Structures are given as structure tokens and as C-alpha cells.
N, C-alpha and C. Protein backbone atom coordinates (compact mmCIF):
# COMPACT_ATOMS: atom_id res chain seq x y z
N MET A 1 15.17 -5.36 29.53
CA MET A 1 15.37 -5.88 28.18
C MET A 1 14.04 -5.88 27.44
N SER A 2 14.01 -5.34 26.25
CA SER A 2 12.75 -5.27 25.50
C SER A 2 12.49 -6.57 24.76
N LYS A 3 11.22 -6.84 24.58
CA LYS A 3 10.82 -8.03 23.81
C LYS A 3 11.10 -7.81 22.34
N LYS A 4 11.46 -8.88 21.67
CA LYS A 4 11.66 -8.81 20.22
C LYS A 4 10.29 -8.68 19.55
N GLN A 5 10.19 -7.77 18.58
CA GLN A 5 8.93 -7.57 17.87
C GLN A 5 8.58 -8.81 17.06
N LYS A 6 7.32 -9.21 17.14
CA LYS A 6 6.84 -10.34 16.36
C LYS A 6 6.74 -9.91 14.89
N LYS A 7 7.23 -10.76 13.99
CA LYS A 7 7.20 -10.44 12.56
C LYS A 7 5.79 -10.64 12.00
N THR A 8 5.45 -9.79 11.04
CA THR A 8 4.17 -9.92 10.35
C THR A 8 4.29 -11.04 9.31
N LEU A 9 3.16 -11.46 8.77
CA LEU A 9 3.17 -12.47 7.71
C LEU A 9 3.95 -11.98 6.49
N VAL A 10 3.86 -10.70 6.20
CA VAL A 10 4.59 -10.12 5.07
C VAL A 10 6.09 -10.25 5.32
N GLU A 11 6.55 -9.91 6.52
CA GLU A 11 7.97 -10.02 6.84
C GLU A 11 8.44 -11.47 6.77
N LYS A 12 7.62 -12.38 7.27
CA LYS A 12 7.97 -13.81 7.20
C LYS A 12 8.08 -14.27 5.74
N TYR A 13 7.17 -13.80 4.89
CA TYR A 13 7.21 -14.14 3.46
C TYR A 13 8.51 -13.63 2.84
N LEU A 14 8.85 -12.37 3.12
CA LEU A 14 10.07 -11.79 2.55
C LEU A 14 11.31 -12.53 3.05
N ASP A 15 11.33 -12.91 4.32
CA ASP A 15 12.45 -13.69 4.86
C ASP A 15 12.57 -15.01 4.12
N LYS A 16 11.45 -15.68 3.93
CA LYS A 16 11.45 -16.98 3.25
C LYS A 16 11.96 -16.86 1.80
N GLN A 17 11.61 -15.75 1.15
CA GLN A 17 12.03 -15.52 -0.23
C GLN A 17 13.45 -14.92 -0.30
N LYS A 18 14.03 -14.65 0.87
CA LYS A 18 15.37 -14.04 0.96
C LYS A 18 15.42 -12.67 0.27
N ILE A 19 14.36 -11.89 0.49
CA ILE A 19 14.27 -10.53 -0.06
C ILE A 19 14.58 -9.55 1.07
N TYR A 20 15.56 -8.69 0.84
CA TYR A 20 15.97 -7.72 1.85
C TYR A 20 14.88 -6.65 2.05
N TYR A 21 14.67 -6.29 3.32
CA TYR A 21 13.78 -5.19 3.67
C TYR A 21 14.24 -4.63 5.00
N HIS A 22 13.84 -3.43 5.29
CA HIS A 22 14.11 -2.81 6.58
C HIS A 22 12.77 -2.58 7.27
N PRO A 23 12.56 -3.14 8.47
CA PRO A 23 11.28 -2.94 9.16
C PRO A 23 11.21 -1.56 9.82
N TRP A 24 10.04 -0.98 9.81
CA TRP A 24 9.78 0.29 10.48
C TRP A 24 8.57 0.11 11.40
N GLN A 25 8.58 0.78 12.54
CA GLN A 25 7.44 0.81 13.45
C GLN A 25 7.12 2.28 13.67
N PHE A 26 5.91 2.72 13.30
CA PHE A 26 5.49 4.09 13.45
C PHE A 26 4.38 4.18 14.49
N GLU A 27 4.42 5.23 15.29
CA GLU A 27 3.34 5.46 16.23
C GLU A 27 2.11 5.91 15.45
N THR A 28 0.95 5.47 15.92
CA THR A 28 -0.30 5.83 15.26
C THR A 28 -1.27 6.41 16.29
N HIS A 29 -2.30 7.04 15.79
CA HIS A 29 -3.37 7.53 16.65
C HIS A 29 -4.70 7.29 15.93
N LEU A 30 -5.74 7.15 16.73
CA LEU A 30 -7.07 6.93 16.18
C LEU A 30 -7.69 8.28 15.83
N LYS A 31 -8.11 8.42 14.59
CA LYS A 31 -8.79 9.64 14.14
C LYS A 31 -10.11 9.20 13.54
N GLY A 32 -11.20 9.49 14.24
CA GLY A 32 -12.50 8.98 13.81
C GLY A 32 -12.52 7.48 14.01
N ASP A 33 -12.72 6.74 12.93
CA ASP A 33 -12.75 5.28 13.04
C ASP A 33 -11.56 4.61 12.34
N VAL A 34 -10.51 5.40 12.04
CA VAL A 34 -9.32 4.84 11.39
C VAL A 34 -8.05 5.29 12.11
N TYR A 35 -7.00 4.49 11.97
CA TYR A 35 -5.70 4.84 12.53
C TYR A 35 -4.89 5.61 11.51
N GLU A 36 -4.17 6.62 11.98
CA GLU A 36 -3.28 7.40 11.13
C GLU A 36 -1.90 7.42 11.76
N ILE A 37 -0.88 7.52 10.90
CA ILE A 37 0.49 7.65 11.38
C ILE A 37 0.65 9.05 11.96
N ASN A 38 1.34 9.15 13.10
CA ASN A 38 1.64 10.46 13.66
C ASN A 38 2.47 11.27 12.67
N GLN A 39 2.29 12.56 12.65
CA GLN A 39 2.89 13.42 11.63
C GLN A 39 4.34 13.82 11.89
N ASN A 40 5.00 13.29 12.91
CA ASN A 40 6.35 13.71 13.22
C ASN A 40 7.42 12.84 12.53
N ILE A 41 7.15 12.39 11.34
CA ILE A 41 8.09 11.57 10.58
C ILE A 41 8.98 12.51 9.77
N PRO A 42 10.30 12.32 9.84
CA PRO A 42 11.19 13.19 9.06
C PRO A 42 10.86 13.14 7.56
N PRO A 43 10.97 14.28 6.87
CA PRO A 43 10.61 14.34 5.45
C PRO A 43 11.35 13.33 4.57
N ASN A 44 12.63 13.06 4.88
CA ASN A 44 13.37 12.11 4.06
C ASN A 44 12.81 10.69 4.17
N ILE A 45 12.09 10.40 5.25
CA ILE A 45 11.43 9.10 5.42
C ILE A 45 10.01 9.17 4.86
N SER A 46 9.27 10.23 5.19
CA SER A 46 7.86 10.31 4.76
C SER A 46 7.71 10.33 3.24
N GLN A 47 8.69 10.87 2.52
CA GLN A 47 8.59 10.90 1.06
C GLN A 47 8.69 9.51 0.45
N LEU A 48 9.16 8.52 1.22
CA LEU A 48 9.27 7.14 0.73
C LEU A 48 8.00 6.32 0.97
N ILE A 49 7.08 6.85 1.80
CA ILE A 49 5.90 6.08 2.19
C ILE A 49 4.85 6.10 1.08
N PHE A 50 4.41 4.90 0.71
CA PHE A 50 3.35 4.72 -0.26
C PHE A 50 2.16 4.08 0.44
N LYS A 51 0.96 4.56 0.13
CA LYS A 51 -0.25 3.97 0.71
C LYS A 51 -0.87 2.98 -0.25
N THR A 52 -1.56 2.02 0.32
CA THR A 52 -2.19 0.93 -0.45
C THR A 52 -3.70 1.11 -0.37
N LEU A 53 -4.33 1.33 -1.50
CA LEU A 53 -5.77 1.59 -1.56
C LEU A 53 -6.46 0.46 -2.32
N VAL A 54 -7.54 -0.04 -1.75
CA VAL A 54 -8.31 -1.12 -2.38
C VAL A 54 -9.50 -0.50 -3.07
N LEU A 55 -9.64 -0.81 -4.37
CA LEU A 55 -10.69 -0.21 -5.18
C LEU A 55 -11.53 -1.28 -5.85
N LYS A 56 -12.65 -0.82 -6.40
CA LYS A 56 -13.52 -1.72 -7.15
C LYS A 56 -14.02 -1.00 -8.39
N GLY A 57 -14.39 -1.80 -9.38
CA GLY A 57 -14.97 -1.28 -10.61
C GLY A 57 -16.08 -2.21 -11.04
N LYS A 58 -16.88 -1.79 -11.98
CA LYS A 58 -18.00 -2.63 -12.44
C LYS A 58 -17.56 -3.80 -13.31
N ASN A 59 -16.44 -3.64 -14.03
CA ASN A 59 -16.03 -4.66 -15.00
C ASN A 59 -14.98 -5.65 -14.49
N THR A 60 -14.43 -5.42 -13.30
CA THR A 60 -13.33 -6.25 -12.82
C THR A 60 -13.52 -6.63 -11.36
N GLU A 61 -12.72 -7.60 -10.92
CA GLU A 61 -12.68 -7.90 -9.49
C GLU A 61 -11.98 -6.73 -8.81
N PRO A 62 -12.01 -6.67 -7.47
CA PRO A 62 -11.30 -5.59 -6.78
C PRO A 62 -9.82 -5.56 -7.19
N PHE A 63 -9.21 -4.41 -7.06
CA PHE A 63 -7.81 -4.23 -7.41
C PHE A 63 -7.20 -3.22 -6.45
N VAL A 64 -5.89 -3.05 -6.54
CA VAL A 64 -5.17 -2.22 -5.57
C VAL A 64 -4.40 -1.13 -6.31
N GLY A 65 -4.44 0.07 -5.74
CA GLY A 65 -3.62 1.18 -6.21
C GLY A 65 -2.63 1.54 -5.13
N VAL A 66 -1.37 1.67 -5.50
CA VAL A 66 -0.31 2.02 -4.55
C VAL A 66 0.30 3.34 -5.00
N VAL A 67 0.17 4.36 -4.14
CA VAL A 67 0.58 5.72 -4.49
C VAL A 67 1.32 6.36 -3.32
N PRO A 68 2.17 7.36 -3.59
CA PRO A 68 2.83 8.07 -2.49
C PRO A 68 1.80 8.64 -1.52
N ILE A 69 2.18 8.74 -0.27
CA ILE A 69 1.26 9.18 0.78
C ILE A 69 0.66 10.56 0.50
N LYS A 70 1.37 11.41 -0.22
CA LYS A 70 0.86 12.75 -0.52
C LYS A 70 0.14 12.82 -1.86
N PHE A 71 -0.18 11.67 -2.41
CA PHE A 71 -0.91 11.60 -3.68
C PHE A 71 -2.28 10.98 -3.44
N ARG A 72 -3.11 11.05 -4.44
CA ARG A 72 -4.41 10.38 -4.40
C ARG A 72 -4.65 9.73 -5.76
N ILE A 73 -5.49 8.72 -5.75
CA ILE A 73 -5.87 8.05 -7.00
C ILE A 73 -6.66 9.04 -7.85
N ASN A 74 -6.34 9.11 -9.12
CA ASN A 74 -7.13 9.88 -10.08
C ASN A 74 -8.11 8.88 -10.69
N ASP A 75 -9.39 9.05 -10.38
CA ASP A 75 -10.42 8.09 -10.81
C ASP A 75 -10.44 7.88 -12.32
N LYS A 76 -10.30 8.95 -13.08
CA LYS A 76 -10.35 8.83 -14.55
C LYS A 76 -9.17 8.03 -15.07
N LYS A 77 -7.98 8.32 -14.55
CA LYS A 77 -6.79 7.59 -14.99
C LYS A 77 -6.89 6.12 -14.61
N MET A 78 -7.34 5.86 -13.38
CA MET A 78 -7.46 4.47 -12.93
C MET A 78 -8.52 3.73 -13.72
N SER A 79 -9.60 4.40 -14.06
CA SER A 79 -10.65 3.78 -14.88
C SER A 79 -10.10 3.33 -16.23
N LEU A 80 -9.31 4.19 -16.84
CA LEU A 80 -8.71 3.86 -18.14
C LEU A 80 -7.76 2.66 -18.02
N VAL A 81 -6.91 2.68 -17.03
CA VAL A 81 -5.91 1.62 -16.86
C VAL A 81 -6.57 0.27 -16.56
N THR A 82 -7.65 0.29 -15.78
CA THR A 82 -8.30 -0.97 -15.38
C THR A 82 -9.44 -1.36 -16.32
N GLN A 83 -9.73 -0.53 -17.30
CA GLN A 83 -10.81 -0.78 -18.25
C GLN A 83 -12.17 -0.87 -17.57
N ASN A 84 -12.37 0.02 -16.60
CA ASN A 84 -13.66 0.16 -15.92
C ASN A 84 -14.24 1.52 -16.30
N LYS A 85 -15.55 1.57 -16.43
CA LYS A 85 -16.19 2.86 -16.72
C LYS A 85 -16.05 3.79 -15.52
N LYS A 86 -16.10 3.20 -14.32
CA LYS A 86 -16.03 3.97 -13.09
C LYS A 86 -15.33 3.13 -12.02
N VAL A 87 -14.50 3.77 -11.19
CA VAL A 87 -13.87 3.08 -10.07
C VAL A 87 -14.15 3.84 -8.78
N SER A 88 -14.08 3.13 -7.66
CA SER A 88 -14.25 3.78 -6.37
C SER A 88 -13.54 2.95 -5.31
N LEU A 89 -13.24 3.61 -4.20
CA LEU A 89 -12.64 2.90 -3.07
C LEU A 89 -13.65 1.90 -2.51
N VAL A 90 -13.17 0.78 -2.06
CA VAL A 90 -14.03 -0.18 -1.37
C VAL A 90 -14.44 0.49 -0.05
N PRO A 91 -15.74 0.50 0.29
CA PRO A 91 -16.17 1.13 1.54
C PRO A 91 -15.48 0.48 2.76
N LEU A 92 -15.20 1.30 3.78
CA LEU A 92 -14.53 0.79 4.99
C LEU A 92 -15.22 -0.44 5.55
N LYS A 93 -16.55 -0.44 5.54
CA LYS A 93 -17.29 -1.57 6.12
C LYS A 93 -17.05 -2.88 5.36
N ASP A 94 -16.61 -2.79 4.11
CA ASP A 94 -16.36 -3.97 3.29
C ASP A 94 -14.88 -4.28 3.10
N LEU A 95 -14.02 -3.43 3.66
CA LEU A 95 -12.58 -3.54 3.39
C LEU A 95 -11.98 -4.86 3.86
N PHE A 96 -12.24 -5.26 5.10
CA PHE A 96 -11.66 -6.50 5.62
C PHE A 96 -12.16 -7.71 4.83
N LYS A 97 -13.46 -7.72 4.55
CA LYS A 97 -14.05 -8.82 3.78
C LYS A 97 -13.43 -8.91 2.38
N THR A 98 -13.09 -7.76 1.80
CA THR A 98 -12.55 -7.72 0.45
C THR A 98 -11.06 -8.05 0.39
N SER A 99 -10.27 -7.37 1.24
CA SER A 99 -8.81 -7.48 1.14
C SER A 99 -8.18 -8.42 2.16
N GLY A 100 -8.90 -8.67 3.25
CA GLY A 100 -8.32 -9.45 4.35
C GLY A 100 -7.57 -8.59 5.34
N TYR A 101 -7.63 -7.27 5.16
CA TYR A 101 -6.92 -6.34 6.04
C TYR A 101 -7.85 -5.20 6.45
N LEU A 102 -7.59 -4.67 7.65
CA LEU A 102 -8.31 -3.50 8.12
C LEU A 102 -7.69 -2.24 7.52
N HIS A 103 -8.39 -1.11 7.61
CA HIS A 103 -7.85 0.17 7.16
C HIS A 103 -6.56 0.43 7.93
N GLY A 104 -5.49 0.76 7.21
CA GLY A 104 -4.20 1.00 7.83
C GLY A 104 -3.28 -0.21 7.80
N GLU A 105 -3.83 -1.37 7.48
CA GLU A 105 -3.04 -2.60 7.41
C GLU A 105 -2.80 -3.05 5.96
N ASN A 106 -3.56 -2.53 5.02
CA ASN A 106 -3.50 -3.02 3.65
C ASN A 106 -2.08 -2.94 3.10
N THR A 107 -1.63 -4.04 2.54
CA THR A 107 -0.28 -4.17 2.03
C THR A 107 -0.32 -4.82 0.65
N PRO A 108 0.37 -4.25 -0.32
CA PRO A 108 0.33 -4.86 -1.66
C PRO A 108 0.85 -6.29 -1.67
N ILE A 109 1.84 -6.57 -0.83
CA ILE A 109 2.43 -7.91 -0.80
C ILE A 109 1.42 -8.93 -0.26
N GLY A 110 0.82 -8.63 0.87
CA GLY A 110 -0.14 -9.55 1.48
C GLY A 110 -1.39 -9.74 0.64
N ILE A 111 -1.89 -8.65 0.07
CA ILE A 111 -3.10 -8.76 -0.76
C ILE A 111 -2.80 -9.58 -2.01
N TYR A 112 -1.64 -9.35 -2.62
CA TYR A 112 -1.31 -10.14 -3.81
C TYR A 112 -1.14 -11.62 -3.44
N GLN A 113 -0.46 -11.90 -2.35
CA GLN A 113 -0.21 -13.29 -1.95
C GLN A 113 -1.52 -14.02 -1.59
N ASN A 114 -2.43 -13.31 -0.92
CA ASN A 114 -3.65 -13.96 -0.42
C ASN A 114 -4.84 -13.88 -1.37
N LYS A 115 -4.96 -12.79 -2.09
CA LYS A 115 -6.15 -12.58 -2.93
C LYS A 115 -5.85 -12.57 -4.43
N HIS A 116 -4.60 -12.40 -4.79
CA HIS A 116 -4.17 -12.35 -6.20
C HIS A 116 -4.84 -11.22 -6.98
N PHE A 117 -5.17 -10.13 -6.28
CA PHE A 117 -5.72 -8.95 -6.96
C PHE A 117 -4.61 -8.32 -7.79
N LYS A 118 -5.00 -7.63 -8.86
CA LYS A 118 -4.03 -6.86 -9.63
C LYS A 118 -3.56 -5.68 -8.78
N ILE A 119 -2.26 -5.42 -8.84
CA ILE A 119 -1.66 -4.33 -8.07
C ILE A 119 -1.12 -3.30 -9.05
N TYR A 120 -1.62 -2.07 -8.95
CA TYR A 120 -1.20 -0.97 -9.82
C TYR A 120 -0.38 0.03 -9.00
N TYR A 121 0.79 0.37 -9.51
CA TYR A 121 1.65 1.36 -8.87
C TYR A 121 1.67 2.61 -9.72
N ASP A 122 1.56 3.77 -9.06
CA ASP A 122 1.69 4.99 -9.84
C ASP A 122 3.11 5.07 -10.40
N GLN A 123 3.22 5.62 -11.61
CA GLN A 123 4.48 5.66 -12.33
C GLN A 123 5.60 6.38 -11.56
N VAL A 124 5.27 7.20 -10.60
CA VAL A 124 6.28 7.91 -9.82
C VAL A 124 7.17 6.92 -9.04
N ILE A 125 6.70 5.70 -8.82
CA ILE A 125 7.50 4.70 -8.11
C ILE A 125 8.83 4.45 -8.82
N GLU A 126 8.85 4.66 -10.13
CA GLU A 126 10.08 4.45 -10.89
C GLU A 126 11.16 5.48 -10.56
N ASP A 127 10.80 6.55 -9.86
CA ASP A 127 11.76 7.56 -9.43
C ASP A 127 12.45 7.19 -8.12
N PHE A 128 12.03 6.09 -7.50
CA PHE A 128 12.54 5.68 -6.18
C PHE A 128 13.35 4.39 -6.28
N ASP A 129 14.45 4.35 -5.54
CA ASP A 129 15.19 3.09 -5.40
C ASP A 129 14.47 2.21 -4.39
N GLU A 130 14.04 2.82 -3.27
CA GLU A 130 13.33 2.09 -2.22
C GLU A 130 12.08 2.85 -1.83
N VAL A 131 11.07 2.10 -1.39
CA VAL A 131 9.83 2.69 -0.90
C VAL A 131 9.44 2.01 0.41
N ILE A 132 8.54 2.64 1.13
CA ILE A 132 8.03 2.09 2.38
C ILE A 132 6.54 1.81 2.18
N VAL A 133 6.13 0.57 2.47
CA VAL A 133 4.72 0.17 2.39
C VAL A 133 4.34 -0.56 3.66
N SER A 134 3.07 -0.72 3.87
CA SER A 134 2.58 -1.43 5.06
C SER A 134 3.09 -2.86 5.08
N ALA A 135 3.36 -3.32 6.31
CA ALA A 135 3.78 -4.71 6.51
C ALA A 135 2.59 -5.58 6.91
N GLY A 136 1.38 -5.01 6.89
CA GLY A 136 0.19 -5.81 7.16
C GLY A 136 -0.39 -5.66 8.55
N GLU A 137 0.17 -4.76 9.36
CA GLU A 137 -0.36 -4.46 10.68
C GLU A 137 -0.30 -2.95 10.90
N ILE A 138 -1.21 -2.43 11.70
CA ILE A 138 -1.25 -1.00 11.99
C ILE A 138 0.11 -0.54 12.52
N GLY A 139 0.69 0.48 11.88
CA GLY A 139 1.94 1.07 12.33
C GLY A 139 3.20 0.34 11.90
N LYS A 140 3.07 -0.86 11.38
CA LYS A 140 4.25 -1.62 10.95
C LYS A 140 4.41 -1.50 9.44
N MET A 141 5.62 -1.13 9.02
CA MET A 141 5.89 -0.94 7.61
C MET A 141 7.24 -1.55 7.26
N ILE A 142 7.47 -1.71 5.97
CA ILE A 142 8.76 -2.21 5.49
C ILE A 142 9.29 -1.29 4.41
N GLN A 143 10.59 -1.10 4.43
CA GLN A 143 11.28 -0.38 3.36
C GLN A 143 11.90 -1.44 2.47
N ILE A 144 11.59 -1.37 1.18
CA ILE A 144 11.97 -2.42 0.25
C ILE A 144 12.36 -1.81 -1.10
N ASN A 145 13.18 -2.50 -1.83
CA ASN A 145 13.56 -2.07 -3.17
C ASN A 145 12.30 -1.96 -4.03
N ALA A 146 12.11 -0.82 -4.67
CA ALA A 146 10.88 -0.57 -5.45
C ALA A 146 10.71 -1.57 -6.59
N LYS A 147 11.78 -1.88 -7.30
CA LYS A 147 11.68 -2.84 -8.41
C LYS A 147 11.33 -4.23 -7.90
N GLU A 148 11.90 -4.60 -6.76
CA GLU A 148 11.60 -5.92 -6.16
C GLU A 148 10.14 -5.99 -5.74
N LEU A 149 9.62 -4.91 -5.15
CA LEU A 149 8.22 -4.86 -4.74
C LEU A 149 7.30 -5.07 -5.94
N ILE A 150 7.57 -4.37 -7.02
CA ILE A 150 6.75 -4.51 -8.23
C ILE A 150 6.82 -5.95 -8.75
N LYS A 151 8.02 -6.51 -8.74
CA LYS A 151 8.21 -7.87 -9.24
C LYS A 151 7.44 -8.91 -8.42
N ILE A 152 7.55 -8.85 -7.09
CA ILE A 152 6.93 -9.90 -6.25
C ILE A 152 5.41 -9.78 -6.17
N THR A 153 4.86 -8.65 -6.61
CA THR A 153 3.41 -8.49 -6.63
C THR A 153 2.86 -8.52 -8.06
N ASN A 154 3.73 -8.86 -9.01
CA ASN A 154 3.34 -8.86 -10.41
C ASN A 154 2.69 -7.52 -10.76
N GLY A 155 3.28 -6.44 -10.24
CA GLY A 155 2.70 -5.11 -10.34
C GLY A 155 2.69 -4.52 -11.73
N ILE A 156 1.75 -3.62 -11.93
CA ILE A 156 1.59 -2.88 -13.17
C ILE A 156 1.86 -1.42 -12.85
N VAL A 157 2.82 -0.82 -13.54
CA VAL A 157 3.16 0.59 -13.33
C VAL A 157 2.44 1.42 -14.37
N ALA A 158 1.70 2.44 -13.91
CA ALA A 158 0.92 3.28 -14.81
C ALA A 158 0.69 4.65 -14.18
N ASP A 159 0.21 5.56 -14.98
CA ASP A 159 -0.14 6.90 -14.52
C ASP A 159 -1.54 6.82 -13.90
N ILE A 160 -1.60 6.70 -12.56
CA ILE A 160 -2.90 6.49 -11.89
C ILE A 160 -3.21 7.53 -10.81
N ALA A 161 -2.28 8.45 -10.54
CA ALA A 161 -2.46 9.32 -9.39
C ALA A 161 -2.12 10.76 -9.70
N GLU A 162 -2.42 11.60 -8.72
CA GLU A 162 -2.06 13.02 -8.79
C GLU A 162 -1.75 13.49 -7.38
N ARG A 163 -0.95 14.55 -7.29
CA ARG A 163 -0.59 15.09 -5.99
C ARG A 163 -1.85 15.62 -5.30
N ASN A 164 -1.97 15.30 -4.03
CA ASN A 164 -3.10 15.78 -3.23
C ASN A 164 -2.68 17.09 -2.59
N GLU A 165 -3.19 18.18 -3.07
CA GLU A 165 -2.81 19.51 -2.61
C GLU A 165 -3.26 19.78 -1.18
N ASN A 166 -4.17 18.98 -0.65
CA ASN A 166 -4.69 19.19 0.70
C ASN A 166 -3.85 18.54 1.78
N VAL A 167 -2.76 17.83 1.37
CA VAL A 167 -1.93 17.14 2.37
C VAL A 167 -0.67 17.92 2.61
């Protein structure tokens, strides 16, 4: 008999708020100094996965960009939306101190609940009924209604990303 998986803080929060989600557990591997999801995810699932990126600018506190896994933040677009002259990713060495999560664990729900950072979603999220985002632990993710995710994180939807041709 297998042990029941322990719920993450994000899952516990969603349960408490009575928000429906579907938990996912993905196998990961260490590549360099970061964990990556194994690439054997069916396309109908992988197209739903959004990554959570923690950024900084000179004029604002840190903020979060949430984009499809095959997209990347467009620095110029994000600068305009956040009213920063320049934006950049928070360096890995500062990520835990900034967001409270390690690389691969960053979750828009947890960061919003704990840090109250602004959460920006690329406008493509409006094309999805449901999306998959990190549940706050390496390899653990949740599938959730896209509109509900935006609502519970007080999210801002904007044109912030572009397709990453290298993925």
C-alpha cells in the first residue's frame, strides 16, 4: 500500500478556500544546479504548464511573471507593464531570500499569499480554461481554472512574453 502524498501549503490553501484543483506529480532530474521536469510529458498536458519567474526592476519591489513553459519573458514588454526602465530575473543565489522558494518551486499562489508581490500573467492565459502551475515543491504541480488562478493572486494579464524558439 502506498503512502498518501503530503499536501503542499498551496494545496492546503486551495482546500481551505474550497477551490477545485487537480494535483500532478512529475519526475524531475538535476541539470547543473537546478531541477527540470523530465521531457516525457504528453503534449496535451505540457501545453497547459506555465512557469513562474521572479523578476526585479529598479523602480519596484520584486514581481512575478507567469508564462507558458515554451515562452520567455520579453524584457521590453515587461518593463513597460511594470513601469521599470529595465527588468531582470532575480539571480538564483537570491531567489529563496526573495520569493521564499527555490528554483523549480516558485508558485504564483504561494508567492502572492506570502510576499504579496504583483503577479503578471501573459495574455495567452486567456486562451486556456485550465493551466498547470507549481504547487510550491519540486515536481509537484496543480491544474487549476485559469480565471480562478488570476483572481486568487490578484493577477494582472498583459502582453509580457514571446515564444521561445529554442524550446
